Amino acid sequence: MSYLENFAFIALAILALLGSVVTVAQGTIGVITIFGKYRRIMSPGLNFKIPLIESVHRRISIQNRSIELDFQAITMDQANVYFRTMLLFSVSDANEETIKSVAFKFFNDKDFMTALTRTIEGSVRGFVATKRQSEILALRSEIVESVKVSIDHTLEAWGYNLHDLALNDITFDEVITKSMAQVVASSNLKAAAENEGQALLITKTKAAEADGNAIQIAAQAEKIAAQMRGEGIALFRKEVARGMSEAANEMKTANLDESYLLFTMWTEAIKNFAQDGTGNVIFLDGSPEGMHRTLKQMMATVNLDKQKS
């Protein structure tokens, strides 16, 4: 064998050896085909294949992947809703059947991503179409659950698993946003007015209760004072009557005329008028005839009372 033939043989051997060595990255599964037909899978690390016969069809990543979607949906009351969504998904597992499904269900990753995004959008739009615009913001978690339930089986058939669906942003048309802000503002104003009215009502009620209590206390005090004044006047009159009765009995015992008692009371009354009078004018007849006439009148009153008794 000549030198050139040896060199050619060695070169072919080296090329065959290099062509048989395949390196699969960590987190990736290699899919091997023979003349386009599935043959086997390769795990991460150094692998060997039959040169010129086996070929690496695809390398399937089993790591988590994420994408962002922006799309629009229409509610039952014809309001436009704009969603910004983040999807987190991955290949279900590294089993051979799962890898085969991922490798051959779609022509390439672009086709898979198109199918995935359209499926997500359709599921969200189907849910939103049954709700009103005013309900959407409060149904964020319900939308996510509805989408996951509706597409879990589909993704499983494709060999994928949806880990998370996050609705990062939900917006409306500018006109709707302004109207929603006005509704919120008017609701806040209404609540503030109601609270202010309640506070004013409580204040006035408490003030009225305080005034009523004060009036009641004052009336009760006046009642007690009037009662005490009446009792004092009655007691005074009782004592006066008792004193006059005792004085009359003593005068009878002393064989004195009762008219002397009346005369004494008359003079004491005149004395009190003079001492305690402030601004009042009393006209008295100070003549003996006037005094005599007054005594006769007082005696007549006493005799009349005796006749009645």
C-alpha atoms as a PDB file:
ATOM      1  CA  MET A   1       0.000   0.000   0.000  1.00  0.00           C
ATOM      2  CA  SER A   2       1.443   3.335  -1.018  1.00  0.00           C
ATOM      3  CA  TYR A   3       1.938   6.325   1.237  1.00  0.00           C
ATOM      4  CA  LEU A   4      -0.999   8.222  -0.305  1.00  0.00           C
ATOM      5  CA  GLU A   5      -3.334   5.322   0.242  1.00  0.00           C
ATOM      6  CA  ASN A   6      -2.298   5.079   3.876  1.00  0.00           C
ATOM      7  CA  PHE A   7      -2.827   8.806   4.334  1.00  0.00           C
ATOM      8  CA  ALA A   8      -6.260   8.648   2.720  1.00  0.00           C
ATOM      9  CA  PHE A   9      -7.277   5.702   4.916  1.00  0.00           C
ATOM     10  CA  ILE A  10      -6.153   7.473   8.066  1.00  0.00           C
ATOM     11  CA  ALA A  11      -7.949  10.646   7.009  1.00  0.00           C
ATOM     12  CA  LEU A  12     -11.170   8.721   6.381  1.00  0.00           C
ATOM     13  CA  ALA A  13     -10.865   7.011   9.738  1.00  0.00           C
ATOM     14  CA  ILE A  14     -10.410  10.323  11.491  1.00  0.00           C
ATOM     15  CA  LEU A  15     -13.363  11.830   9.693  1.00  0.00           C
ATOM     16  CA  ALA A  16     -15.482   8.795  10.528  1.00  0.00           C
ATOM     17  CA  LEU A  17     -14.470   9.055  14.174  1.00  0.00           C
ATOM     18  CA  LEU A  18     -15.228  12.767  14.304  1.00  0.00           C
ATOM     19  CA  GLY A  19     -18.539  12.214  12.532  1.00  0.00           C
ATOM     20  CA  SER A  20     -19.569   9.601  15.064  1.00  0.00           C
ATOM     21  CA  VAL A  21     -19.013  11.816  18.111  1.00  0.00           C
ATOM     22  CA  VAL A  22     -22.005  13.951  19.230  1.00  0.00           C
ATOM     23  CA  THR A  23     -22.073  16.291  22.234  1.00  0.00           C
ATOM     24  CA  VAL A  24     -25.478  17.040  23.779  1.00  0.00           C
ATOM     25  CA  ALA A  25     -25.661  20.069  26.110  1.00  0.00           C
ATOM     26  CA  GLN A  26     -27.005  19.869  29.633  1.00  0.00           C
ATOM     27  CA  GLY A  27     -30.801  20.378  29.731  1.00  0.00           C
ATOM     28  CA  THR A  28     -31.129  19.160  26.158  1.00  0.00           C
ATOM     29  CA  ILE A  29     -32.154  15.831  24.607  1.00  0.00           C
ATOM     30  CA  GLY A  30     -30.885  14.842  21.153  1.00  0.00           C
ATOM     31  CA  VAL A  31     -33.199  13.094  18.661  1.00  0.00           C
ATOM     32  CA  ILE A  32     -31.485  10.660  16.239  1.00  0.00           C
ATOM     33  CA  THR A  33     -33.021   9.574  12.938  1.00  0.00           C
ATOM     34  CA  ILE A  34     -31.917   7.163  10.199  1.00  0.00           C
ATOM     35  CA  PHE A  35     -32.735   8.429   6.738  1.00  0.00           C
ATOM     36  CA  GLY A  36     -35.424  10.665   8.298  1.00  0.00           C
ATOM     37  CA  LYS A  37     -36.998   7.973  10.488  1.00  0.00           C
ATOM     38  CA  TYR A  38     -36.854   8.153  14.278  1.00  0.00           C
ATOM     39  CA  ARG A  39     -34.178   5.938  15.757  1.00  0.00           C
ATOM     40  CA  ARG A  40     -33.395   6.870  19.353  1.00  0.00           C
ATOM     41  CA  ILE A  41     -32.627   9.749  21.770  1.00  0.00           C
ATOM     42  CA  MET A  42     -29.342  10.971  23.217  1.00  0.00           C
ATOM     43  CA  SER A  43     -28.936  12.119  26.805  1.00  0.00           C
ATOM     44  CA  PRO A  44     -26.745  15.107  27.756  1.00  0.00           C
ATOM     45  CA  GLY A  45     -22.989  14.551  27.447  1.00  0.00           C
ATOM     46  CA  LEU A  46     -20.778  12.678  24.963  1.00  0.00           C
ATOM     47  CA  ASN A  47     -22.627  10.343  22.600  1.00  0.00           C
ATOM     48  CA  PHE A  48     -21.796   8.317  19.465  1.00  0.00           C
ATOM     49  CA  LYS A  49     -23.734   7.748  16.279  1.00  0.00           C
ATOM     50  CA  ILE A  50     -23.195   5.812  13.079  1.00  0.00           C
ATOM     51  CA  PRO A  51     -21.542   8.195  10.609  1.00  0.00           C
ATOM     52  CA  LEU A  52     -23.395   8.934   7.413  1.00  0.00           C
ATOM     53  CA  ILE A  53     -26.351   6.814   8.542  1.00  0.00           C
ATOM     54  CA  GLU A  54     -27.591   8.321  11.787  1.00  0.00           C
ATOM     55  CA  SER A  55     -28.149  12.050  11.999  1.00  0.00           C
ATOM     56  CA  VAL A  56     -29.224  14.466  14.727  1.00  0.00           C
ATOM     57  CA  HIS A  57     -32.742  15.514  13.784  1.00  0.00           C
ATOM     58  CA  ARG A  58     -33.299  18.026  16.624  1.00  0.00           C
ATOM     59  CA  ARG A  59     -32.067  18.985  20.019  1.00  0.00           C
ATOM     60  CA  ILE A  60     -35.015  19.349  22.425  1.00  0.00           C
ATOM     61  CA  SER A  61     -34.585  21.630  25.436  1.00  0.00           C
ATOM     62  CA  ILE A  62     -36.214  20.318  28.621  1.00  0.00           C
ATOM     63  CA  GLN A  63     -35.572  23.558  30.529  1.00  0.00           C
ATOM     64  CA  ASN A  64     -38.272  26.048  31.466  1.00  0.00           C
ATOM     65  CA  ARG A  65     -39.122  28.537  28.720  1.00  0.00           C
ATOM     66  CA  SER A  66     -41.109  31.752  28.866  1.00  0.00           C
ATOM     67  CA  ILE A  67     -42.790  34.027  26.354  1.00  0.00           C
ATOM     68  CA  GLU A  68     -44.824  37.235  26.543  1.00  0.00           C
ATOM     69  CA  LEU A  69     -48.084  37.673  24.671  1.00  0.00           C
ATOM     70  CA  ASP A  70     -49.994  40.857  23.841  1.00  0.00           C
ATOM     71  CA  PHE A  71     -53.501  40.409  22.528  1.00  0.00           C
ATOM     72  CA  GLN A  72     -57.012  41.849  22.626  1.00  0.00           C
ATOM     73  CA  ALA A  73     -60.375  40.417  23.717  1.00  0.00           C
ATOM     74  CA  ILE A  74     -63.953  41.731  23.612  1.00  0.00           C
ATOM     75  CA  THR A  75     -66.361  41.479  26.531  1.00  0.00           C
ATOM     76  CA  MET A  76     -70.069  40.663  26.444  1.00  0.00           C
ATOM     77  CA  ASP A  77     -70.907  44.391  26.441  1.00  0.00           C
ATOM     78  CA  GLN A  78     -68.550  45.042  23.494  1.00  0.00           C
ATOM     79  CA  ALA A  79     -65.669  46.599  25.441  1.00  0.00           C
ATOM     80  CA  ASN A  80     -62.096  46.082  24.234  1.00  0.00           C
ATOM     81  CA  VAL A  81     -59.739  44.555  26.787  1.00  0.00           C
ATOM     82  CA  TYR A  82     -55.977  44.409  26.232  1.00  0.00           C
ATOM     83  CA  PHE A  83     -53.911  41.701  27.905  1.00  0.00           C
ATOM     84  CA  ARG A  84     -50.182  41.335  28.470  1.00  0.00           C
ATOM     85  CA  THR A  85     -49.455  37.767  29.479  1.00  0.00           C
ATOM     86  CA  MET A  86     -46.383  35.802  30.511  1.00  0.00           C
ATOM     87  CA  LEU A  87     -46.277  32.033  29.896  1.00  0.00           C
ATOM     88  CA  LEU A  88     -43.894  29.666  31.669  1.00  0.00           C
ATOM     89  CA  PHE A  89     -43.784  26.174  30.192  1.00  0.00           C
ATOM     90  CA  SER A  90     -41.435  23.249  29.525  1.00  0.00           C
ATOM     91  CA  VAL A  91     -41.294  19.761  28.087  1.00  0.00           C
ATOM     92  CA  SER A  92     -43.243  17.477  30.397  1.00  0.00           C
ATOM     93  CA  ASP A  93     -40.343  15.051  31.038  1.00  0.00           C
ATOM     94  CA  ALA A  94     -37.342  13.384  29.413  1.00  0.00           C
ATOM     95  CA  ASN A  95     -39.101  10.119  28.577  1.00  0.00           C
ATOM     96  CA  GLU A  96     -38.621   8.814  25.053  1.00  0.00           C
ATOM     97  CA  GLU A  97     -42.308   8.986  24.095  1.00  0.00           C
ATOM     98  CA  THR A  98     -42.568  12.580  25.321  1.00  0.00           C
ATOM     99  CA  ILE A  99     -39.449  13.593  23.393  1.00  0.00           C
ATOM    100  CA  LYS A 100     -40.783  11.911  20.235  1.00  0.00           C
ATOM    101  CA  SER A 101     -44.060  13.830  20.583  1.00  0.00           C
ATOM    102  CA  VAL A 102     -42.235  17.134  21.009  1.00  0.00           C
ATOM    103  CA  ALA A 103     -39.878  16.430  18.106  1.00  0.00           C
ATOM    104  CA  PHE A 104     -42.464  15.411  15.533  1.00  0.00           C
ATOM    105  CA  LYS A 105     -45.780  17.096  16.460  1.00  0.00           C
ATOM    106  CA  PHE A 106     -44.655  20.364  14.862  1.00  0.00           C
ATOM    107  CA  PHE A 107     -42.366  21.110  11.984  1.00  0.00           C
ATOM    108  CA  ASN A 108     -40.256  23.503  14.063  1.00  0.00           C
ATOM    109  CA  ASP A 109     -40.389  25.642  17.199  1.00  0.00           C
ATOM    110  CA  LYS A 110     -41.952  28.552  15.326  1.00  0.00           C
ATOM    111  CA  ASP A 111     -44.987  26.496  14.426  1.00  0.00           C
ATOM    112  CA  PHE A 112     -45.280  25.263  18.006  1.00  0.00           C
ATOM    113  CA  MET A 113     -45.123  28.808  19.411  1.00  0.00           C
ATOM    114  CA  THR A 114     -47.786  29.944  16.942  1.00  0.00           C
ATOM    115  CA  ALA A 115     -50.105  27.134  18.006  1.00  0.00           C
ATOM    116  CA  LEU A 116     -49.430  27.781  21.696  1.00  0.00           C
ATOM    117  CA  THR A 117     -50.079  31.536  21.539  1.00  0.00           C
ATOM    118  CA  ARG A 118     -53.218  31.146  19.449  1.00  0.00           C
ATOM    119  CA  THR A 119     -54.541  28.523  21.859  1.00  0.00           C
ATOM    120  CA  ILE A 120     -53.921  30.779  24.854  1.00  0.00           C
ATOM    121  CA  GLU A 121     -55.499  33.783  23.141  1.00  0.00           C
ATOM    122  CA  GLY A 122     -58.549  31.780  22.090  1.00  0.00           C
ATOM    123  CA  SER A 123     -59.087  30.448  25.598  1.00  0.00           C
ATOM    124  CA  VAL A 124     -58.828  33.917  27.160  1.00  0.00           C
ATOM    125  CA  ARG A 125     -61.105  35.469  24.550  1.00  0.00           C
ATOM    126  CA  GLY A 126     -63.676  32.724  25.044  1.00  0.00           C
ATOM    127  CA  PHE A 127     -63.767  33.395  28.789  1.00  0.00           C
ATOM    128  CA  VAL A 128     -63.836  37.195  28.461  1.00  0.00           C
ATOM    129  CA  ALA A 129     -66.676  37.040  25.928  1.00  0.00           C
ATOM    130  CA  THR A 130     -68.974  35.709  28.668  1.00  0.00           C
ATOM    131  CA  LYS A 131     -68.193  38.534  31.128  1.00  0.00           C
ATOM    132  CA  ARG A 132     -68.933  42.225  31.336  1.00  0.00           C
ATOM    133  CA  GLN A 133     -66.304  44.939  31.248  1.00  0.00           C
ATOM    134  CA  SER A 134     -66.915  45.861  34.903  1.00  0.00           C
ATOM    135  CA  GLU A 135     -66.172  42.280  35.999  1.00  0.00           C
ATOM    136  CA  ILE A 136     -62.856  41.687  34.225  1.00  0.00           C
ATOM    137  CA  LEU A 137     -60.475  43.314  36.706  1.00  0.00           C
ATOM    138  CA  ALA A 138     -61.876  41.245  39.564  1.00  0.00           C
ATOM    139  CA  LEU A 139     -61.593  37.969  37.619  1.00  0.00           C
ATOM    140  CA  ARG A 140     -57.830  37.822  37.063  1.00  0.00           C
ATOM    141  CA  SER A 141     -57.358  34.535  38.928  1.00  0.00           C
ATOM    142  CA  GLU A 142     -60.514  33.038  37.385  1.00  0.00           C
ATOM    143  CA  ILE A 143     -59.207  33.800  33.888  1.00  0.00           C
ATOM    144  CA  VAL A 144     -55.907  32.064  34.656  1.00  0.00           C
ATOM    145  CA  GLU A 145     -57.635  28.994  36.073  1.00  0.00           C
ATOM    146  CA  SER A 146     -60.021  28.794  33.129  1.00  0.00           C
ATOM    147  CA  VAL A 147     -57.162  28.948  30.614  1.00  0.00           C
ATOM    148  CA  LYS A 148     -55.070  26.359  32.425  1.00  0.00           C
ATOM    149  CA  VAL A 149     -57.981  23.937  32.651  1.00  0.00           C
ATOM    150  CA  SER A 150     -58.844  24.337  28.979  1.00  0.00           C
ATOM    151  CA  ILE A 151     -55.328  23.880  27.554  1.00  0.00           C
ATOM    152  CA  ASP A 152     -53.698  21.455  29.976  1.00  0.00           C
ATOM    153  CA  HIS A 153     -54.814  18.391  28.029  1.00  0.00           C
ATOM    154  CA  THR A 154     -53.833  19.970  24.723  1.00  0.00           C
ATOM    155  CA  LEU A 155     -50.309  20.769  25.908  1.00  0.00           C
ATOM    156  CA  GLU A 156     -49.975  17.348  27.461  1.00  0.00           C
ATOM    157  CA  ALA A 157     -50.763  15.789  24.076  1.00  0.00           C
ATOM    158  CA  TRP A 158     -48.024  17.949  22.558  1.00  0.00           C
ATOM    159  CA  GLY A 159     -45.550  16.842  25.245  1.00  0.00           C
ATOM    160  CA  TYR A 160     -45.493  20.123  27.159  1.00  0.00           C
ATOM    161  CA  ASN A 161     -46.592  21.311  30.571  1.00  0.00           C
ATOM    162  CA  LEU A 162     -47.812  24.833  31.401  1.00  0.00           C
ATOM    163  CA  HIS A 163     -46.303  25.861  34.753  1.00  0.00           C
ATOM    164  CA  ASP A 164     -47.645  29.365  35.070  1.00  0.00           C
ATOM    165  CA  LEU A 165     -49.805  31.899  33.284  1.00  0.00           C
ATOM    166  CA  ALA A 166     -49.490  35.451  34.623  1.00  0.00           C
ATOM    167  CA  LEU A 167     -51.737  38.312  33.501  1.00  0.00           C
ATOM    168  CA  ASN A 168     -49.278  41.116  34.043  1.00  0.00           C
ATOM    169  CA  ASP A 169     -51.450  43.883  32.647  1.00  0.00           C
ATOM    170  CA  ILE A 170     -55.145  44.356  31.843  1.00  0.00           C
ATOM    171  CA  THR A 171     -56.131  47.629  30.202  1.00  0.00           C
ATOM    172  CA  PHE A 172     -59.127  49.123  28.421  1.00  0.00           C
ATOM    173  CA  ASP A 173     -59.734  51.782  25.803  1.00  0.00           C
ATOM    174  CA  GLU A 174     -59.029  55.331  26.971  1.00  0.00           C
ATOM    175  CA  VAL A 175     -62.726  56.253  26.978  1.00  0.00           C
ATOM    176  CA  ILE A 176     -63.582  53.287  29.191  1.00  0.00           C
ATOM    177  CA  THR A 177     -60.652  54.018  31.491  1.00  0.00           C
ATOM    178  CA  LYS A 178     -61.839  57.610  31.971  1.00  0.00           C
ATOM    179  CA  SER A 179     -65.411  56.497  32.628  1.00  0.00           C
ATOM    180  CA  MET A 180     -64.195  53.938  35.166  1.00  0.00           C
ATOM    181  CA  ALA A 181     -62.168  56.641  36.905  1.00  0.00           C
ATOM    182  CA  GLN A 182     -65.259  58.873  36.998  1.00  0.00           C
ATOM    183  CA  VAL A 183     -67.315  56.051  38.472  1.00  0.00           C
ATOM    184  CA  VAL A 184     -64.716  55.456  41.165  1.00  0.00           C
ATOM    185  CA  ALA A 185     -64.482  59.197  41.897  1.00  0.00           C
ATOM    186  CA  SER A 186     -68.256  59.570  42.145  1.00  0.00           C
ATOM    187  CA  SER A 187     -68.462  56.511  44.401  1.00  0.00           C
ATOM    188  CA  ASN A 188     -65.803  57.990  46.661  1.00  0.00           C
ATOM    189  CA  LEU A 189     -67.639  61.323  46.753  1.00  0.00           C
ATOM    190  CA  LYS A 190     -70.875  59.548  47.585  1.00  0.00           C
ATOM    191  CA  ALA A 191     -69.216  57.587  50.377  1.00  0.00           C
ATOM    192  CA  ALA A 192     -67.598  60.761  51.719  1.00  0.00           C
ATOM    193  CA  ALA A 193     -70.953  62.599  51.661  1.00  0.00           C
ATOM    194  CA  GLU A 194     -72.670  59.713  53.424  1.00  0.00           C
ATOM    195  CA  ASN A 195     -69.957  59.592  56.074  1.00  0.00           C
ATOM    196  CA  GLU A 196     -70.125  63.351  56.540  1.00  0.00           C
ATOM    197  CA  GLY A 197     -73.915  63.190  56.833  1.00  0.00           C
ATOM    198  CA  GLN A 198     -73.681  60.408  59.384  1.00  0.00           C
ATOM    199  CA  ALA A 199     -71.103  62.370  61.376  1.00  0.00           C
ATOM    200  CA  LEU A 200     -73.289  65.501  61.294  1.00  0.00           C
ATOM    201  CA  LEU A 201     -76.342  63.473  62.322  1.00  0.00           C
ATOM    202  CA  ILE A 202     -74.458  61.951  65.238  1.00  0.00           C
ATOM    203  CA  THR A 203     -73.172  65.376  66.295  1.00  0.00           C
ATOM    204  CA  LYS A 204     -76.625  66.960  66.181  1.00  0.00           C
ATOM    205  CA  THR A 205     -78.191  63.964  67.901  1.00  0.00           C
ATOM    206  CA  LYS A 206     -75.669  64.082  70.716  1.00  0.00           C
ATOM    207  CA  ALA A 207     -76.116  67.863  71.035  1.00  0.00           C
ATOM    208  CA  ALA A 208     -79.910  67.450  71.172  1.00  0.00           C
ATOM    209  CA  GLU A 209     -79.558  64.711  73.771  1.00  0.00           C
ATOM    210  CA  ALA A 210     -77.270  66.943  75.826  1.00  0.00           C
ATOM    211  CA  ASP A 211     -79.713  69.871  75.587  1.00  0.00           C
ATOM    212  CA  GLY A 212     -82.601  67.601  76.516  1.00  0.00           C
ATOM    213  CA  ASN A 213     -80.702  66.226  79.483  1.00  0.00           C
ATOM    214  CA  ALA A 214     -79.781  69.750  80.569  1.00  0.00           C
ATOM    215  CA  ILE A 215     -83.409  70.895  80.308  1.00  0.00           C
ATOM    216  CA  GLN A 216     -84.566  67.827  82.168  1.00  0.00           C
ATOM    217  CA  ILE A 217     -82.007  68.362  84.927  1.00  0.00           C
ATOM    218  CA  ALA A 218     -82.917  72.062  85.171  1.00  0.00           C
ATOM    219  CA  ALA A 219     -86.642  71.241  85.292  1.00  0.00           C
ATOM    220  CA  GLN A 220     -86.050  68.622  87.962  1.00  0.00           C
ATOM    221  CA  ALA A 221     -83.995  71.099  89.970  1.00  0.00           C
ATOM    222  CA  GLU A 222     -86.686  73.770  89.570  1.00  0.00           C
ATOM    223  CA  LYS A 223     -89.315  71.252  90.627  1.00  0.00           C
ATOM    224  CA  ILE A 224     -87.355  70.373  93.749  1.00  0.00           C
ATOM    225  CA  ALA A 225     -86.699  74.065  94.472  1.00  0.00           C
ATOM    226  CA  ALA A 226     -90.386  74.960  94.046  1.00  0.00           C
ATOM    227  CA  GLN A 227     -91.356  72.048  96.235  1.00  0.00           C
ATOM    228  CA  MET A 228     -88.922  73.166  98.893  1.00  0.00           C
ATOM    229  CA  ARG A 229     -90.154  76.765  98.643  1.00  0.00           C
ATOM    230  CA  GLY A 230     -93.742  75.556  99.017  1.00  0.00           C
ATOM    231  CA  GLU A 231     -92.804  73.430 101.986  1.00  0.00           C
ATOM    232  CA  GLY A 232     -90.999  76.399 103.483  1.00  0.00           C
ATOM    233  CA  ILE A 233     -93.993  78.707 102.997  1.00  0.00           C
ATOM    234  CA  ALA A 234     -96.365  76.091 104.413  1.00  0.00           C
ATOM    235  CA  LEU A 235     -94.084  75.576 107.394  1.00  0.00           C
ATOM    236  CA  PHE A 236     -93.837  79.336 107.871  1.00  0.00           C
ATOM    237  CA  ARG A 237     -97.599  79.709 107.820  1.00  0.00           C
ATOM    238  CA  LYS A 238     -97.964  76.776 110.181  1.00  0.00           C
ATOM    239  CA  GLU A 239     -95.537  78.321 112.607  1.00  0.00           C
ATOM    240  CA  VAL A 240     -97.266  81.704 112.318  1.00  0.00           C
ATOM    241  CA  ALA A 241    -100.623  80.130 113.008  1.00  0.00           C
ATOM    242  CA  ARG A 242     -99.246  78.175 115.940  1.00  0.00           C
ATOM    243  CA  GLY A 243     -97.628  81.307 117.334  1.00  0.00           C
ATOM    244  CA  MET A 244    -100.804  83.327 116.982  1.00  0.00           C
ATOM    245  CA  SER A 245    -102.813  80.555 118.632  1.00  0.00           C
ATOM    246  CA  GLU A 246    -100.408  80.356 121.580  1.00  0.00           C
ATOM    247  CA  ALA A 247    -100.406  84.170 121.887  1.00  0.00           C
ATOM    248  CA  ALA A 248    -104.203  84.266 121.867  1.00  0.00           C
ATOM    249  CA  ASN A 249    -104.393  81.580 124.555  1.00  0.00           C
ATOM    250  CA  GLU A 250    -101.896  83.438 126.751  1.00  0.00           C
ATOM    251  CA  MET A 251    -103.898  86.658 126.365  1.00  0.00           C
ATOM    252  CA  LYS A 252    -107.059  84.808 127.396  1.00  0.00           C
ATOM    253  CA  THR A 253    -105.233  83.440 130.405  1.00  0.00           C
ATOM    254  CA  ALA A 254    -104.131  86.983 131.297  1.00  0.00           C
ATOM    255  CA  ASN A 255    -107.681  88.290 130.800  1.00  0.00           C
ATOM    256  CA  LEU A 256    -106.552  90.613 128.002  1.00  0.00           C
ATOM    257  CA  ASP A 257    -108.609  91.688 125.054  1.00  0.00           C
ATOM    258  CA  GLU A 258    -107.819  89.864 121.807  1.00  0.00           C
ATOM    259  CA  SER A 259    -107.823  93.197 120.044  1.00  0.00           C
ATOM    260  CA  TYR A 260    -104.528  93.963 121.729  1.00  0.00           C
ATOM    261  CA  LEU A 261    -102.945  91.079 119.832  1.00  0.00           C
ATOM    262  CA  LEU A 262    -104.307  92.466 116.573  1.00  0.00           C
ATOM    263  CA  PHE A 263    -103.001  95.913 117.482  1.00  0.00           C
ATOM    264  CA  THR A 264     -99.538  94.467 118.174  1.00  0.00           C
ATOM    265  CA  MET A 265     -99.542  92.624 114.843  1.00  0.00           C
ATOM    266  CA  TRP A 266    -100.580  95.793 113.045  1.00  0.00           C
ATOM    267  CA  THR A 267     -97.798  97.859 114.552  1.00  0.00           C
ATOM    268  CA  GLU A 268     -95.239  95.135 113.796  1.00  0.00           C
ATOM    269  CA  ALA A 269     -96.448  95.068 110.173  1.00  0.00           C
ATOM    270  CA  ILE A 270     -96.040  98.850 109.896  1.00  0.00           C
ATOM    271  CA  LYS A 271     -92.554  98.536 111.372  1.00  0.00           C
ATOM    272  CA  ASN A 272     -91.583  95.857 108.824  1.00  0.00           C
ATOM    273  CA  PHE A 273     -93.012  97.948 105.975  1.00  0.00           C
ATOM    274  CA  ALA A 274     -90.801 100.839 107.003  1.00  0.00           C
ATOM    275  CA  GLN A 275     -87.625  98.753 107.500  1.00  0.00           C
ATOM    276  CA  ASP A 276     -87.789  96.334 104.571  1.00  0.00           C
ATOM    277  CA  GLY A 277     -89.676  98.311 101.927  1.00  0.00           C
ATOM    278  CA  THR A 278     -87.510  99.093  98.859  1.00  0.00           C
ATOM    279  CA  GLY A 279     -89.139 101.419  96.382  1.00  0.00           C
ATOM    280  CA  ASN A 280     -92.746 100.554  97.218  1.00  0.00           C
ATOM    281  CA  VAL A 281     -95.144 103.258  98.521  1.00  0.00           C
ATOM    282  CA  ILE A 282     -97.731 102.302 101.128  1.00  0.00           C
ATOM    283  CA  PHE A 283    -100.318 104.831 102.262  1.00  0.00           C
ATOM    284  CA  LEU A 284    -101.544 104.381 105.863  1.00  0.00           C
ATOM    285  CA  ASP A 285    -104.051 106.404 107.841  1.00  0.00           C
ATOM    286  CA  GLY A 286    -102.120 107.233 111.026  1.00  0.00           C
ATOM    287  CA  SER A 287    -104.942 109.086 112.757  1.00  0.00           C
ATOM    288  CA  PRO A 288    -106.660 107.594 115.835  1.00  0.00           C
ATOM    289  CA  GLU A 289    -109.854 107.300 113.834  1.00  0.00           C
ATOM    290  CA  GLY A 290    -108.032 105.391 111.128  1.00  0.00           C
ATOM    291  CA  MET A 291    -106.442 103.026 113.649  1.00  0.00           C
ATOM    292  CA  HIS A 292    -109.793 102.504 115.384  1.00  0.00           C
ATOM    293  CA  ARG A 293    -111.467 101.739 112.059  1.00  0.00           C
ATOM    294  CA  THR A 294    -108.737  99.262 111.145  1.00  0.00           C
ATOM    295  CA  LEU A 295    -109.002  97.471 114.494  1.00  0.00           C
ATOM    296  CA  LYS A 296    -112.770  97.197 114.098  1.00  0.00           C
ATOM    297  CA  GLN A 297    -112.309  95.640 110.683  1.00  0.00           C
ATOM    298  CA  MET A 298    -109.762  93.136 111.998  1.00  0.00           C
ATOM    299  CA  MET A 299    -112.041  92.283 114.962  1.00  0.00           C
ATOM    300  CA  ALA A 300    -114.944  91.794 112.590  1.00  0.00           C
ATOM    301  CA  THR A 301    -112.829  89.374 110.546  1.00  0.00           C
ATOM    302  CA  VAL A 302    -111.886  87.411 113.685  1.00  0.00           C
ATOM    303  CA  ASN A 303    -115.508  87.247 114.868  1.00  0.00           C
ATOM    304  CA  LEU A 304    -116.622  86.107 111.395  1.00  0.00           C
ATOM    305  CA  ASP A 305    -114.075  83.280 111.491  1.00  0.00           C
ATOM    306  CA  LYS A 306    -115.301  82.266 114.946  1.00  0.00           C
ATOM    307  CA  GLN A 307    -118.913  82.161 113.747  1.00  0.00           C
ATOM    308  CA  LYS A 308    -117.938  79.954 110.787  1.00  0.00           C
ATOM    309  CA  SER A 309    -116.069  77.596 113.057  1.00  0.00           C
END
